[in-house]
Amino acid sequence: MLRAVFFLPLAVLALCAPVKKPEPKAQPRPAVAGMPPPADTIARPAPRPKTIDYDTSQWLEINALDSTIAIDVRYATANNFVGEAMYDCGRCFFRPAVARALVAAHRELRAKGMGLKFFDCYRPRPVQWKLWNKVPDPRFVADPRKGSVHNRGGAADLTIVYADGRELDMGVPFDYFGPEGYHDYTGFPDSVLANRRLLRETMARHGMAHIRTEWWHYNYRPRSYRLDDWLWPCPTE
């Protein structure tokens, strides 16, 4: 009986104690066509990776070479033309010679108060299959049986940003599939055409060739590489 009386006040205190409700998680703001992204979604320079967890004879992570490069890997998010994430996490790899050429282009722009921002880099062929299964149209997605330069680690999707992270106006956004995205489209103001020319000429000086239909896409010219299925590891922290 004494034991029951002893525990009764403790039970009453436990019942009366306030219950702390979990704080609601912040919801991402939806993107609106034609509007700039909210401030908290503007890509900033990616932190330099803490460890090397890949074969550096085959791959280099671009922001491990220069941490001032901005990374916004769109296929690691739903902010892309298929509307869902294709990568488990966003990392930006290239073959070593390609990575060094791109860093050199970035540093040329840095001397002018600008720099490069990457939307897509090496794309593993299993991811190419995922894209192909979503959009089996070779006008927009390369057939993974043949593969693309992205699947070889020799292609980059990128733009130029000012030092504060703002993108230069290229007329239409990344992954805009229409004639306005072509390099030979001249219906934009001179300032937009000059921005595209700056990107094209800078890339060309460092061995990166443009393609006619995508202002953002550049291929490494000096050599080609084999198709690859390697999937990069994601941070566990």
Protein backbone atom coordinates (compact mmCIF):
# COMPACT_ATOMS: atom_id res chain seq x y z
CA MET A 1 0.00 0.00 0.00
CA LEU A 2 2.84 2.41 0.92
CA ARG A 3 4.55 1.67 -2.41
CA ALA A 4 1.38 2.61 -4.35
CA VAL A 5 1.00 5.88 -2.40
CA PHE A 6 4.69 6.73 -3.04
CA PHE A 7 4.38 6.40 -6.84
CA LEU A 8 1.03 8.19 -7.15
CA PRO A 9 2.46 11.79 -7.08
CA LEU A 10 5.06 10.84 -9.70
CA ALA A 11 2.33 9.55 -12.00
CA VAL A 12 0.32 12.75 -11.53
CA LEU A 13 3.37 14.90 -12.33
CA ALA A 14 4.06 12.91 -15.50
CA LEU A 15 0.48 13.38 -16.71
CA CYS A 16 0.57 17.11 -16.01
CA ALA A 17 3.93 17.78 -17.68
CA PRO A 18 3.58 19.82 -20.91
CA VAL A 19 4.11 17.91 -24.13
CA LYS A 20 6.54 19.62 -26.51
CA LYS A 21 5.16 19.48 -30.04
CA PRO A 22 7.64 19.02 -32.88
CA GLU A 23 8.26 22.15 -34.91
CA PRO A 24 6.79 21.98 -38.42
CA LYS A 25 9.32 21.50 -41.20
CA ALA A 26 9.77 24.36 -43.62
CA GLN A 27 8.19 23.62 -46.99
CA PRO A 28 10.10 24.54 -50.14
CA ARG A 29 8.60 27.36 -52.15
CA PRO A 30 7.40 26.28 -55.57
CA ALA A 31 9.19 27.70 -58.59
CA VAL A 32 7.17 30.09 -60.77
CA ALA A 33 7.82 30.17 -64.50
CA GLY A 34 9.42 33.41 -65.59
CA MET A 35 10.28 34.51 -62.05
CA PRO A 36 13.73 34.48 -60.41
CA PRO A 37 14.30 31.76 -57.80
CA PRO A 38 13.76 32.64 -54.13
CA ALA A 39 16.90 33.91 -52.40
CA ASP A 40 17.36 30.73 -50.39
CA THR A 41 17.55 28.61 -53.57
CA ILE A 42 20.22 30.60 -55.42
CA ALA A 43 23.23 28.37 -55.84
CA ARG A 44 26.32 29.44 -53.97
CA PRO A 45 29.83 28.05 -54.17
CA ALA A 46 29.76 24.44 -53.01
CA PRO A 47 31.89 23.53 -50.00
CA ARG A 48 35.13 21.75 -50.78
CA PRO A 49 34.63 17.98 -50.25
CA LYS A 50 36.14 16.79 -46.96
CA THR A 51 37.39 13.43 -48.18
CA ILE A 52 38.39 11.80 -51.45
CA ASP A 53 36.08 8.81 -51.92
CA TYR A 54 36.67 8.14 -55.62
CA ASP A 55 39.42 7.11 -58.02
CA THR A 56 41.27 10.33 -58.86
CA SER A 57 42.96 8.68 -61.83
CA GLN A 58 39.53 8.40 -63.47
CA TRP A 59 37.52 11.28 -61.96
CA LEU A 60 37.94 14.68 -60.37
CA GLU A 61 35.24 16.52 -58.46
CA ILE A 62 35.17 20.04 -59.82
CA ASN A 63 34.72 21.89 -56.53
CA ALA A 64 37.54 19.87 -54.96
CA LEU A 65 39.79 21.68 -57.43
CA ASP A 66 38.27 25.12 -56.86
CA SER A 67 35.75 25.73 -54.09
CA THR A 68 34.64 29.07 -55.62
CA ILE A 69 32.77 27.22 -58.39
CA ALA A 70 28.97 27.30 -57.97
CA ILE A 71 27.15 23.96 -58.13
CA ASP A 72 23.42 23.58 -58.83
CA VAL A 73 23.04 19.97 -60.03
CA ARG A 74 19.45 20.09 -61.27
CA TYR A 75 18.97 16.34 -61.69
CA ALA A 76 19.57 15.91 -57.95
CA THR A 77 16.37 17.95 -57.42
CA ALA A 78 12.89 18.14 -58.90
CA ASN A 79 13.82 21.45 -60.59
CA ASN A 80 14.39 19.94 -64.04
CA PHE A 81 12.42 19.16 -67.16
CA VAL A 82 11.26 15.73 -65.93
CA GLY A 83 10.09 17.14 -62.59
CA GLU A 84 11.82 14.66 -60.28
CA ALA A 85 15.25 13.87 -58.88
CA MET A 86 17.36 11.49 -60.97
CA TYR A 87 20.49 11.49 -58.77
CA ASP A 88 20.62 10.36 -55.14
CA CYS A 89 22.78 13.41 -54.38
CA GLY A 90 24.29 16.24 -56.38
CA ARG A 91 28.01 15.96 -57.06
CA CYS A 92 29.91 17.23 -60.08
CA PHE A 93 32.57 14.96 -61.61
CA PHE A 94 34.55 15.00 -64.86
CA ARG A 95 37.45 13.13 -66.37
CA PRO A 96 40.63 14.73 -64.99
CA ALA A 97 41.65 16.61 -68.16
CA VAL A 98 38.11 17.93 -68.59
CA ALA A 99 37.89 19.09 -64.98
CA ARG A 100 41.19 20.97 -65.26
CA ALA A 101 40.08 22.67 -68.49
CA LEU A 102 36.84 23.81 -66.86
CA VAL A 103 38.65 25.14 -63.80
CA ALA A 104 40.93 27.13 -66.10
CA ALA A 105 37.86 28.64 -67.81
CA HIS A 106 36.34 29.47 -64.43
CA ARG A 107 39.53 31.22 -63.31
CA GLU A 108 39.64 33.27 -66.50
CA LEU A 109 36.13 34.50 -65.68
CA ARG A 110 37.08 35.09 -62.03
CA ALA A 111 39.61 37.65 -63.22
CA LYS A 112 36.62 39.53 -64.70
CA GLY A 113 34.51 39.32 -61.52
CA MET A 114 32.47 36.34 -62.72
CA GLY A 115 32.65 32.55 -62.65
CA LEU A 116 31.03 29.30 -63.73
CA LYS A 117 27.95 27.61 -62.35
CA PHE A 118 27.32 23.94 -63.18
CA PHE A 119 23.89 22.40 -63.79
CA ASP A 120 25.04 18.92 -64.85
CA CYS A 121 28.38 17.14 -65.18
CA TYR A 122 29.23 13.45 -65.55
CA ARG A 123 25.95 11.54 -65.79
CA PRO A 124 26.14 7.81 -65.02
CA ARG A 125 24.57 5.65 -67.71
CA PRO A 126 22.05 4.10 -65.23
CA VAL A 127 20.73 7.64 -64.79
CA GLN A 128 20.61 8.06 -68.56
CA TRP A 129 18.34 5.01 -68.63
CA LYS A 130 16.10 6.61 -66.00
CA LEU A 131 15.83 9.76 -68.12
CA TRP A 132 15.23 7.74 -71.28
CA ASN A 133 12.45 5.77 -69.60
CA LYS A 134 10.81 9.06 -68.65
CA VAL A 135 11.37 10.79 -72.03
CA PRO A 136 12.27 8.27 -74.76
CA ASP A 137 12.82 10.99 -77.36
CA PRO A 138 16.34 11.42 -78.83
CA ARG A 139 15.62 15.10 -79.48
CA PHE A 140 15.80 15.69 -75.74
CA VAL A 141 17.55 12.66 -74.18
CA ALA A 142 20.36 10.62 -75.73
CA ASP A 143 19.58 6.93 -76.23
CA PRO A 144 21.56 5.20 -73.43
CA ARG A 145 22.46 2.34 -75.76
CA LYS A 146 24.63 4.81 -77.65
CA GLY A 147 25.20 7.09 -74.69
CA SER A 148 26.10 10.74 -74.59
CA VAL A 149 29.23 12.76 -73.86
CA HIS A 150 27.76 13.31 -70.38
CA ASN A 151 27.91 9.53 -69.84
CA ARG A 152 31.62 9.64 -70.70
CA GLY A 153 32.50 12.41 -68.28
CA GLY A 154 33.35 14.86 -71.05
CA ALA A 155 30.35 17.22 -71.13
CA ALA A 156 29.20 20.09 -68.92
CA ASP A 157 25.94 22.00 -68.65
CA LEU A 158 26.77 25.41 -67.24
CA THR A 159 26.36 29.15 -67.26
CA ILE A 160 28.17 32.26 -66.06
CA VAL A 161 27.40 34.00 -62.78
CA TYR A 162 28.45 37.30 -61.28
CA ALA A 163 30.47 37.31 -58.05
CA ASP A 164 27.25 37.63 -56.03
CA GLY A 165 25.77 34.47 -57.61
CA ARG A 166 23.38 36.11 -60.09
CA GLU A 167 23.27 34.39 -63.45
CA LEU A 168 23.98 36.33 -66.61
CA ASP A 169 20.89 36.64 -68.78
CA MET A 170 21.04 33.97 -71.49
CA GLY A 171 17.55 34.63 -72.84
CA VAL A 172 16.03 31.29 -71.82
CA PRO A 173 16.85 29.00 -68.88
CA PHE A 174 18.81 25.76 -68.74
CA ASP A 175 17.02 22.83 -70.44
CA TYR A 176 14.77 25.06 -72.52
CA PHE A 177 14.00 22.95 -75.56
CA GLY A 178 13.08 25.29 -78.38
CA PRO A 179 14.70 27.45 -81.06
CA GLU A 180 15.31 30.26 -78.56
CA GLY A 181 17.82 27.98 -76.84
CA TYR A 182 19.87 27.54 -80.06
CA HIS A 183 23.15 29.38 -80.49
CA ASP A 184 22.06 30.64 -83.91
CA TYR A 185 18.90 32.30 -82.54
CA THR A 186 19.39 36.06 -82.82
CA GLY A 187 16.04 37.40 -81.61
CA PHE A 188 17.35 38.49 -78.20
CA PRO A 189 18.74 41.89 -77.18
CA ASP A 190 22.42 42.50 -77.88
CA SER A 191 23.22 42.12 -74.17
CA VAL A 192 21.91 38.53 -74.15
CA LEU A 193 23.75 37.67 -77.35
CA ALA A 194 26.93 39.14 -75.83
CA ASN A 195 26.51 36.96 -72.72
CA ARG A 196 26.17 33.83 -74.85
CA ARG A 197 29.19 34.86 -76.90
CA LEU A 198 31.24 35.38 -73.73
CA LEU A 199 30.39 31.85 -72.57
CA ARG A 200 31.03 30.31 -75.99
CA GLU A 201 34.36 32.06 -76.55
CA THR A 202 35.62 31.39 -73.02
CA MET A 203 34.80 27.70 -73.31
CA ALA A 204 36.42 27.47 -76.74
CA ARG A 205 39.70 28.86 -75.40
CA HIS A 206 39.82 25.91 -73.00
CA GLY A 207 38.94 23.10 -75.39
CA MET A 208 35.17 23.02 -74.83
CA ALA A 209 32.97 22.99 -77.93
CA HIS A 210 29.35 24.14 -78.00
CA ILE A 211 26.48 22.34 -79.70
CA ARG A 212 24.00 24.20 -81.89
CA THR A 213 20.77 23.48 -79.99
CA GLU A 214 21.70 24.08 -76.33
CA TRP A 215 23.40 27.30 -75.22
CA TRP A 216 24.39 25.67 -71.89
CA HIS A 217 25.99 22.43 -73.18
CA TYR A 218 29.73 22.04 -73.90
CA ASN A 219 31.82 19.02 -74.92
CA TYR A 220 35.52 18.49 -74.36
CA ARG A 221 37.12 18.52 -77.84
CA PRO A 222 40.66 17.12 -77.42
CA ARG A 223 39.53 13.54 -76.82
CA SER A 224 36.63 11.19 -76.10
CA TYR A 225 36.13 8.72 -73.28
CA ARG A 226 34.38 5.41 -72.83
CA LEU A 227 30.82 5.17 -71.58
CA ASP A 228 30.71 4.68 -67.83
CA ASP A 229 28.22 3.31 -65.29
CA TRP A 230 30.05 4.49 -62.16
CA LEU A 231 27.72 5.95 -59.51
CA TRP A 232 29.35 8.34 -57.08
CA PRO A 233 28.88 7.81 -53.33
CA CYS A 234 26.63 10.14 -51.35
CA PRO A 235 27.76 11.73 -48.06
CA THR A 236 26.54 9.85 -45.00
CA GLU A 237 26.47 12.89 -42.70
